[in-house]
Amino acid sequence: MKKIAIINGPNLNLLGKREPKIYGKKNIEIFINLLKKSIKNKNIAKIYFYQSNFEGEIIDIIHNIGFEYNGIVINPGAYTHTSLAIADAIKSVSSPVIEVHITNIFSREKIRKKSFITEVCQGSIFGFGLNSYELGIISLLTFF
C-alpha cells in the first residue's frame, strides 16, 4: 500500500477556530481522520499526518520521510511566502510533493501571492477549501 504524508505548517492546527470566514468551520483533525479512513477504505494508500508550527520541524519531517514515502501533500501555511529552507528541503528529497492551500493565495494580500514552495513542487492546488488536500492526494496517486 502506498504511503502519503500530509504536512501542515503554522496555525493550521487552529482550523475550525481561526478566521472561519476565510478558512471554514471544519476542525482539521476531524477532517484528516475522515480523509484517512476514506482513502484506507478504498485500499489505495495509507495517510500519515504531521503538523508543526516550527519551520525546523517541518524540514526534519520532509528529510525523514522524503525518500521513503510515495508522496507528500504540503500546506506550509505562512512559510509558503517566506521559507527558502522548506523549499530547499523539498528540492532535496525524491518523493513527489504537491503544494495545497485552502484559499486561493493569488486572490489574497500581496505578500501571499509569492510562493517559494510552488516552484519546487510537482503541482499546486489552491482555493478548494479542505478538499484541496484530497485533490492533492488524488493527484499523487494518479500521476506519480
N, C-alpha and C. Protein backbone atom coordinates (compact mmCIF):
# COMPACT_ATOMS: atom_id res chain seq x y z
N MET A 1 0.84 -1.18 0.00
CA MET A 1 0.00 0.00 0.00
C MET A 1 0.88 1.24 0.00
N LYS A 2 0.51 2.24 -0.79
CA LYS A 2 1.29 3.48 -0.86
C LYS A 2 1.20 4.27 0.44
N LYS A 3 2.28 5.02 0.70
CA LYS A 3 2.34 5.88 1.88
C LYS A 3 2.37 7.33 1.42
N ILE A 4 1.36 8.09 1.86
CA ILE A 4 1.25 9.50 1.53
C ILE A 4 1.25 10.30 2.83
N ALA A 5 2.04 11.36 2.86
CA ALA A 5 2.08 12.23 4.03
C ALA A 5 1.37 13.54 3.73
N ILE A 6 0.67 14.03 4.72
CA ILE A 6 0.15 15.39 4.71
C ILE A 6 0.93 16.15 5.76
N ILE A 7 1.54 17.26 5.35
CA ILE A 7 2.30 18.10 6.28
C ILE A 7 1.64 19.47 6.32
N ASN A 8 1.26 19.89 7.51
CA ASN A 8 0.67 21.21 7.71
C ASN A 8 1.61 22.09 8.49
N GLY A 9 1.68 23.34 8.09
CA GLY A 9 2.52 24.32 8.75
C GLY A 9 1.79 25.10 9.82
N PRO A 10 2.35 26.26 10.17
CA PRO A 10 1.89 27.02 11.33
C PRO A 10 0.43 27.49 11.23
N ASN A 11 -0.20 27.44 12.38
CA ASN A 11 -1.56 27.91 12.61
C ASN A 11 -2.65 27.04 12.00
N LEU A 12 -2.27 26.05 11.20
CA LEU A 12 -3.28 25.19 10.59
C LEU A 12 -3.89 24.22 11.60
N ASN A 13 -3.27 24.09 12.76
CA ASN A 13 -3.87 23.31 13.83
C ASN A 13 -5.11 24.01 14.39
N LEU A 14 -5.31 25.28 14.07
CA LEU A 14 -6.45 26.05 14.56
C LEU A 14 -7.61 26.11 13.57
N LEU A 15 -7.53 25.34 12.49
CA LEU A 15 -8.64 25.36 11.54
C LEU A 15 -9.93 24.98 12.24
N GLY A 16 -10.98 25.67 11.88
CA GLY A 16 -12.27 25.49 12.54
C GLY A 16 -12.50 26.57 13.58
N LYS A 17 -11.41 27.11 14.10
CA LYS A 17 -11.48 28.19 15.10
C LYS A 17 -10.93 29.49 14.53
N ARG A 18 -9.87 29.40 13.77
CA ARG A 18 -9.15 30.56 13.24
C ARG A 18 -9.83 31.11 12.00
N GLU A 19 -10.21 32.35 12.03
CA GLU A 19 -10.79 33.06 10.89
C GLU A 19 -11.72 32.18 10.06
N PRO A 20 -12.82 31.72 10.64
CA PRO A 20 -13.71 30.78 9.93
C PRO A 20 -14.29 31.35 8.63
N LYS A 21 -14.37 32.67 8.50
CA LYS A 21 -14.88 33.24 7.25
C LYS A 21 -13.91 33.01 6.10
N ILE A 22 -12.64 32.88 6.43
CA ILE A 22 -11.62 32.63 5.40
C ILE A 22 -11.35 31.13 5.24
N TYR A 23 -11.18 30.43 6.38
CA TYR A 23 -10.70 29.04 6.35
C TYR A 23 -11.79 28.01 6.63
N GLY A 24 -12.99 28.43 6.92
CA GLY A 24 -14.07 27.49 7.18
C GLY A 24 -14.18 27.11 8.64
N LYS A 25 -15.20 26.34 8.93
CA LYS A 25 -15.52 25.98 10.32
C LYS A 25 -15.17 24.53 10.66
N LYS A 26 -14.63 23.79 9.69
CA LYS A 26 -14.31 22.37 9.94
C LYS A 26 -13.02 22.24 10.75
N ASN A 27 -13.06 21.36 11.71
CA ASN A 27 -11.90 21.03 12.53
C ASN A 27 -10.95 20.17 11.69
N ILE A 28 -9.68 20.55 11.65
CA ILE A 28 -8.71 19.85 10.79
C ILE A 28 -8.50 18.40 11.21
N GLU A 29 -8.47 18.13 12.51
CA GLU A 29 -8.24 16.75 12.96
C GLU A 29 -9.38 15.84 12.55
N ILE A 30 -10.60 16.31 12.69
CA ILE A 30 -11.76 15.51 12.28
C ILE A 30 -11.72 15.29 10.77
N PHE A 31 -11.43 16.34 10.02
CA PHE A 31 -11.35 16.22 8.56
C PHE A 31 -10.27 15.22 8.14
N ILE A 32 -9.08 15.34 8.72
CA ILE A 32 -7.98 14.44 8.34
C ILE A 32 -8.31 13.00 8.69
N ASN A 33 -8.92 12.77 9.85
CA ASN A 33 -9.30 11.40 10.22
C ASN A 33 -10.31 10.82 9.24
N LEU A 34 -11.28 11.62 8.82
CA LEU A 34 -12.25 11.14 7.81
C LEU A 34 -11.56 10.87 6.48
N LEU A 35 -10.65 11.74 6.10
CA LEU A 35 -9.90 11.55 4.85
C LEU A 35 -9.05 10.28 4.91
N LYS A 36 -8.37 10.07 6.03
CA LYS A 36 -7.56 8.85 6.20
C LYS A 36 -8.42 7.60 6.04
N LYS A 37 -9.58 7.58 6.70
CA LYS A 37 -10.48 6.42 6.63
C LYS A 37 -10.98 6.21 5.21
N SER A 38 -11.35 7.28 4.53
CA SER A 38 -11.86 7.18 3.17
C SER A 38 -10.81 6.59 2.23
N ILE A 39 -9.59 7.08 2.31
CA ILE A 39 -8.51 6.58 1.44
C ILE A 39 -8.16 5.15 1.81
N LYS A 40 -8.09 4.86 3.11
CA LYS A 40 -7.75 3.50 3.56
C LYS A 40 -8.83 2.51 3.13
N ASN A 41 -10.11 2.91 3.24
CA ASN A 41 -11.21 2.03 2.85
C ASN A 41 -11.18 1.71 1.36
N LYS A 42 -10.64 2.61 0.58
CA LYS A 42 -10.51 2.37 -0.87
C LYS A 42 -9.29 1.49 -1.15
N ASN A 43 -8.51 1.20 -0.09
CA ASN A 43 -7.35 0.33 -0.16
C ASN A 43 -6.31 0.81 -1.18
N ILE A 44 -6.11 2.14 -1.23
CA ILE A 44 -5.16 2.67 -2.20
C ILE A 44 -3.94 3.31 -1.55
N ALA A 45 -4.07 3.72 -0.30
CA ALA A 45 -2.93 4.37 0.35
C ALA A 45 -3.18 4.48 1.85
N LYS A 46 -2.10 4.62 2.57
CA LYS A 46 -2.18 4.94 3.99
C LYS A 46 -1.71 6.38 4.14
N ILE A 47 -2.49 7.16 4.86
CA ILE A 47 -2.21 8.59 5.02
C ILE A 47 -1.61 8.83 6.39
N TYR A 48 -0.52 9.57 6.41
CA TYR A 48 0.14 9.99 7.65
C TYR A 48 0.02 11.50 7.74
N PHE A 49 -0.24 12.01 8.93
CA PHE A 49 -0.47 13.45 9.10
C PHE A 49 0.54 14.02 10.09
N TYR A 50 1.14 15.12 9.68
CA TYR A 50 2.10 15.84 10.53
C TYR A 50 1.70 17.32 10.53
N GLN A 51 1.84 17.95 11.67
CA GLN A 51 1.59 19.38 11.77
C GLN A 51 2.62 19.97 12.70
N SER A 52 3.16 21.10 12.30
CA SER A 52 4.10 21.80 13.17
C SER A 52 4.01 23.30 12.92
N ASN A 53 4.19 24.03 13.99
CA ASN A 53 4.26 25.48 13.91
C ASN A 53 5.71 25.95 13.76
N PHE A 54 6.65 25.00 13.66
CA PHE A 54 8.07 25.33 13.66
C PHE A 54 8.72 24.91 12.34
N GLU A 55 9.37 25.85 11.70
CA GLU A 55 10.00 25.64 10.41
C GLU A 55 10.98 24.46 10.43
N GLY A 56 11.86 24.41 11.43
CA GLY A 56 12.85 23.35 11.51
C GLY A 56 12.23 21.97 11.63
N GLU A 57 11.12 21.86 12.36
CA GLU A 57 10.44 20.57 12.48
C GLU A 57 9.85 20.14 11.14
N ILE A 58 9.31 21.08 10.39
CA ILE A 58 8.77 20.75 9.07
C ILE A 58 9.89 20.25 8.16
N ILE A 59 11.03 20.91 8.21
CA ILE A 59 12.19 20.48 7.42
C ILE A 59 12.62 19.08 7.84
N ASP A 60 12.69 18.82 9.14
CA ASP A 60 13.07 17.49 9.63
C ASP A 60 12.10 16.42 9.15
N ILE A 61 10.81 16.72 9.17
CA ILE A 61 9.81 15.75 8.70
C ILE A 61 10.04 15.45 7.22
N ILE A 62 10.24 16.49 6.43
CA ILE A 62 10.49 16.29 4.99
C ILE A 62 11.74 15.43 4.78
N HIS A 63 12.80 15.72 5.51
CA HIS A 63 14.04 14.92 5.40
C HIS A 63 13.78 13.46 5.80
N ASN A 64 13.02 13.26 6.88
CA ASN A 64 12.81 11.91 7.41
C ASN A 64 11.94 11.04 6.53
N ILE A 65 10.99 11.62 5.82
CA ILE A 65 10.06 10.80 5.03
C ILE A 65 10.25 10.96 3.52
N GLY A 66 10.99 11.94 3.11
CA GLY A 66 11.06 12.33 1.70
C GLY A 66 11.77 11.39 0.76
N PHE A 67 12.32 10.30 1.30
CA PHE A 67 12.96 9.30 0.44
C PHE A 67 12.24 7.96 0.50
N GLU A 68 11.25 7.85 1.39
CA GLU A 68 10.57 6.57 1.54
C GLU A 68 9.08 6.61 1.25
N TYR A 69 8.45 7.79 1.36
CA TYR A 69 7.01 7.89 1.09
C TYR A 69 6.77 8.04 -0.40
N ASN A 70 5.59 7.62 -0.84
CA ASN A 70 5.23 7.72 -2.26
C ASN A 70 4.81 9.13 -2.66
N GLY A 71 4.60 9.99 -1.68
CA GLY A 71 4.25 11.37 -1.99
C GLY A 71 3.97 12.16 -0.73
N ILE A 72 4.05 13.47 -0.89
CA ILE A 72 3.81 14.41 0.20
C ILE A 72 2.85 15.49 -0.30
N VAL A 73 1.83 15.75 0.49
CA VAL A 73 0.94 16.89 0.28
C VAL A 73 1.31 17.88 1.38
N ILE A 74 1.70 19.09 0.99
CA ILE A 74 2.15 20.06 1.99
C ILE A 74 1.36 21.36 1.90
N ASN A 75 0.91 21.82 3.05
CA ASN A 75 0.36 23.16 3.19
C ASN A 75 1.27 23.86 4.20
N PRO A 76 2.27 24.58 3.73
CA PRO A 76 3.23 25.19 4.64
C PRO A 76 2.72 26.42 5.37
N GLY A 77 1.44 26.78 5.16
CA GLY A 77 0.91 27.96 5.80
C GLY A 77 1.71 29.19 5.40
N ALA A 78 1.95 30.07 6.35
CA ALA A 78 2.66 31.32 6.07
C ALA A 78 4.10 31.10 5.61
N TYR A 79 4.67 29.93 5.91
CA TYR A 79 6.03 29.64 5.43
C TYR A 79 6.08 29.56 3.90
N THR A 80 4.95 29.39 3.27
CA THR A 80 4.87 29.40 1.81
C THR A 80 5.57 30.63 1.24
N HIS A 81 5.37 31.75 1.92
CA HIS A 81 5.78 33.05 1.40
C HIS A 81 7.12 33.51 1.94
N THR A 82 7.74 32.70 2.81
CA THR A 82 8.96 33.17 3.47
C THR A 82 10.10 32.15 3.53
N SER A 83 9.82 30.86 3.32
CA SER A 83 10.81 29.85 3.66
C SER A 83 11.54 29.25 2.47
N LEU A 84 12.73 29.76 2.24
CA LEU A 84 13.63 29.12 1.28
C LEU A 84 14.11 27.78 1.84
N ALA A 85 14.19 27.68 3.16
CA ALA A 85 14.66 26.45 3.79
C ALA A 85 13.71 25.28 3.53
N ILE A 86 12.41 25.51 3.64
CA ILE A 86 11.45 24.44 3.33
C ILE A 86 11.50 24.12 1.84
N ALA A 87 11.61 25.13 1.00
CA ALA A 87 11.74 24.88 -0.44
C ALA A 87 12.97 24.04 -0.74
N ASP A 88 14.09 24.36 -0.10
CA ASP A 88 15.31 23.58 -0.30
C ASP A 88 15.15 22.14 0.18
N ALA A 89 14.43 21.94 1.29
CA ALA A 89 14.19 20.58 1.79
C ALA A 89 13.38 19.78 0.79
N ILE A 90 12.34 20.40 0.24
CA ILE A 90 11.52 19.72 -0.77
C ILE A 90 12.36 19.36 -1.99
N LYS A 91 13.20 20.29 -2.42
CA LYS A 91 14.07 20.07 -3.58
C LYS A 91 15.06 18.93 -3.34
N SER A 92 15.39 18.70 -2.08
CA SER A 92 16.43 17.73 -1.72
C SER A 92 15.95 16.28 -1.67
N VAL A 93 14.64 16.06 -1.63
CA VAL A 93 14.12 14.70 -1.47
C VAL A 93 13.58 14.15 -2.78
N SER A 94 13.39 12.84 -2.82
CA SER A 94 12.92 12.21 -4.06
C SER A 94 11.41 12.01 -4.13
N SER A 95 10.71 12.08 -3.01
CA SER A 95 9.25 11.92 -3.04
C SER A 95 8.62 13.10 -3.75
N PRO A 96 7.64 12.84 -4.62
CA PRO A 96 6.94 13.96 -5.26
C PRO A 96 6.13 14.73 -4.21
N VAL A 97 6.06 16.05 -4.39
CA VAL A 97 5.38 16.92 -3.43
C VAL A 97 4.34 17.77 -4.16
N ILE A 98 3.14 17.81 -3.59
CA ILE A 98 2.07 18.66 -4.07
C ILE A 98 1.80 19.72 -3.01
N GLU A 99 1.84 20.98 -3.41
CA GLU A 99 1.53 22.09 -2.51
C GLU A 99 0.02 22.33 -2.55
N VAL A 100 -0.58 22.47 -1.37
CA VAL A 100 -2.01 22.78 -1.30
C VAL A 100 -2.23 23.98 -0.38
N HIS A 101 -3.30 24.69 -0.69
CA HIS A 101 -3.77 25.78 0.17
C HIS A 101 -5.29 25.77 0.17
N ILE A 102 -5.85 26.06 1.31
CA ILE A 102 -7.30 26.08 1.47
C ILE A 102 -7.91 27.22 0.65
N THR A 103 -7.24 28.38 0.68
CA THR A 103 -7.72 29.54 -0.07
C THR A 103 -6.89 29.70 -1.34
N ASN A 104 -7.37 30.54 -2.22
CA ASN A 104 -6.60 30.89 -3.41
C ASN A 104 -5.62 31.98 -3.01
N ILE A 105 -4.36 31.62 -2.84
CA ILE A 105 -3.38 32.59 -2.34
C ILE A 105 -3.20 33.76 -3.31
N PHE A 106 -3.54 33.58 -4.58
CA PHE A 106 -3.37 34.65 -5.54
C PHE A 106 -4.51 35.66 -5.51
N SER A 107 -5.54 35.38 -4.73
CA SER A 107 -6.64 36.33 -4.57
C SER A 107 -6.58 37.02 -3.20
N ARG A 108 -5.49 36.81 -2.49
CA ARG A 108 -5.35 37.36 -1.14
C ARG A 108 -4.39 38.55 -1.14
N GLU A 109 -3.88 38.88 0.03
CA GLU A 109 -2.98 40.02 0.16
C GLU A 109 -1.75 39.84 -0.71
N LYS A 110 -1.13 40.96 -1.06
CA LYS A 110 0.02 40.96 -1.97
C LYS A 110 1.12 40.01 -1.51
N ILE A 111 1.44 40.01 -0.23
CA ILE A 111 2.53 39.17 0.28
C ILE A 111 2.23 37.68 0.10
N ARG A 112 0.96 37.30 0.05
CA ARG A 112 0.59 35.88 -0.09
C ARG A 112 0.62 35.41 -1.54
N LYS A 113 0.86 36.30 -2.47
CA LYS A 113 0.89 35.92 -3.88
C LYS A 113 2.22 35.28 -4.28
N LYS A 114 3.25 35.44 -3.47
CA LYS A 114 4.56 34.84 -3.75
C LYS A 114 4.70 33.54 -2.97
N SER A 115 5.02 32.47 -3.68
CA SER A 115 5.26 31.18 -3.04
C SER A 115 6.66 30.69 -3.40
N PHE A 116 7.47 30.47 -2.37
CA PHE A 116 8.77 29.85 -2.59
C PHE A 116 8.61 28.34 -2.80
N ILE A 117 7.45 27.81 -2.46
CA ILE A 117 7.21 26.37 -2.49
C ILE A 117 6.76 25.90 -3.88
N THR A 118 5.94 26.70 -4.55
CA THR A 118 5.35 26.30 -5.83
C THR A 118 6.40 25.81 -6.83
N GLU A 119 7.48 26.53 -6.95
CA GLU A 119 8.46 26.21 -8.00
C GLU A 119 9.26 24.93 -7.74
N VAL A 120 9.17 24.36 -6.53
CA VAL A 120 9.90 23.12 -6.25
C VAL A 120 8.97 21.91 -6.11
N CYS A 121 7.68 22.12 -6.35
CA CYS A 121 6.70 21.02 -6.25
C CYS A 121 6.29 20.53 -7.62
N GLN A 122 5.76 19.32 -7.67
CA GLN A 122 5.27 18.76 -8.92
C GLN A 122 3.96 19.42 -9.35
N GLY A 123 3.22 19.97 -8.38
CA GLY A 123 1.96 20.63 -8.68
C GLY A 123 1.48 21.41 -7.48
N SER A 124 0.48 22.26 -7.72
CA SER A 124 -0.09 23.08 -6.67
C SER A 124 -1.60 23.13 -6.83
N ILE A 125 -2.30 23.10 -5.71
CA ILE A 125 -3.77 23.16 -5.71
C ILE A 125 -4.18 24.22 -4.70
N PHE A 126 -4.92 25.21 -5.16
CA PHE A 126 -5.32 26.34 -4.32
C PHE A 126 -6.82 26.57 -4.40
N GLY A 127 -7.41 26.95 -3.28
CA GLY A 127 -8.74 27.54 -3.31
C GLY A 127 -9.92 26.61 -3.25
N PHE A 128 -9.72 25.35 -2.97
CA PHE A 128 -10.84 24.41 -2.91
C PHE A 128 -11.19 24.02 -1.47
N GLY A 129 -10.87 24.89 -0.53
CA GLY A 129 -11.13 24.59 0.87
C GLY A 129 -10.36 23.36 1.30
N LEU A 130 -10.89 22.64 2.25
CA LEU A 130 -10.23 21.43 2.74
C LEU A 130 -10.16 20.35 1.65
N ASN A 131 -11.02 20.45 0.64
CA ASN A 131 -10.96 19.49 -0.47
C ASN A 131 -9.63 19.56 -1.22
N SER A 132 -8.90 20.66 -1.04
CA SER A 132 -7.58 20.77 -1.68
C SER A 132 -6.67 19.62 -1.27
N TYR A 133 -6.80 19.16 -0.02
CA TYR A 133 -5.97 18.04 0.45
C TYR A 133 -6.29 16.75 -0.31
N GLU A 134 -7.57 16.46 -0.45
CA GLU A 134 -7.95 15.24 -1.16
C GLU A 134 -7.54 15.33 -2.63
N LEU A 135 -7.69 16.50 -3.22
CA LEU A 135 -7.25 16.68 -4.61
C LEU A 135 -5.74 16.47 -4.74
N GLY A 136 -4.99 16.90 -3.73
CA GLY A 136 -3.55 16.67 -3.72
C GLY A 136 -3.21 15.20 -3.66
N ILE A 137 -3.91 14.47 -2.81
CA ILE A 137 -3.69 13.03 -2.69
C ILE A 137 -4.05 12.32 -3.99
N ILE A 138 -5.18 12.68 -4.56
CA ILE A 138 -5.61 12.07 -5.83
C ILE A 138 -4.58 12.34 -6.93
N SER A 139 -4.04 13.54 -6.96
CA SER A 139 -3.04 13.84 -7.99
C SER A 139 -1.77 13.01 -7.79
N LEU A 140 -1.35 12.82 -6.54
CA LEU A 140 -0.17 11.97 -6.28
C LEU A 140 -0.44 10.53 -6.73
N LEU A 141 -1.62 10.02 -6.39
CA LEU A 141 -1.94 8.63 -6.72
C LEU A 141 -2.15 8.42 -8.22
N THR A 142 -2.56 9.47 -8.90
CA THR A 142 -2.86 9.36 -10.33
C THR A 142 -1.63 9.59 -11.21
N PHE A 143 -0.81 10.55 -10.84
CA PHE A 143 0.25 10.98 -11.74
C PHE A 143 1.66 10.57 -11.32
N PHE A 144 1.85 10.10 -10.09
CA PHE A 144 3.22 9.84 -9.65
C PHE A 144 3.39 8.45 -9.06
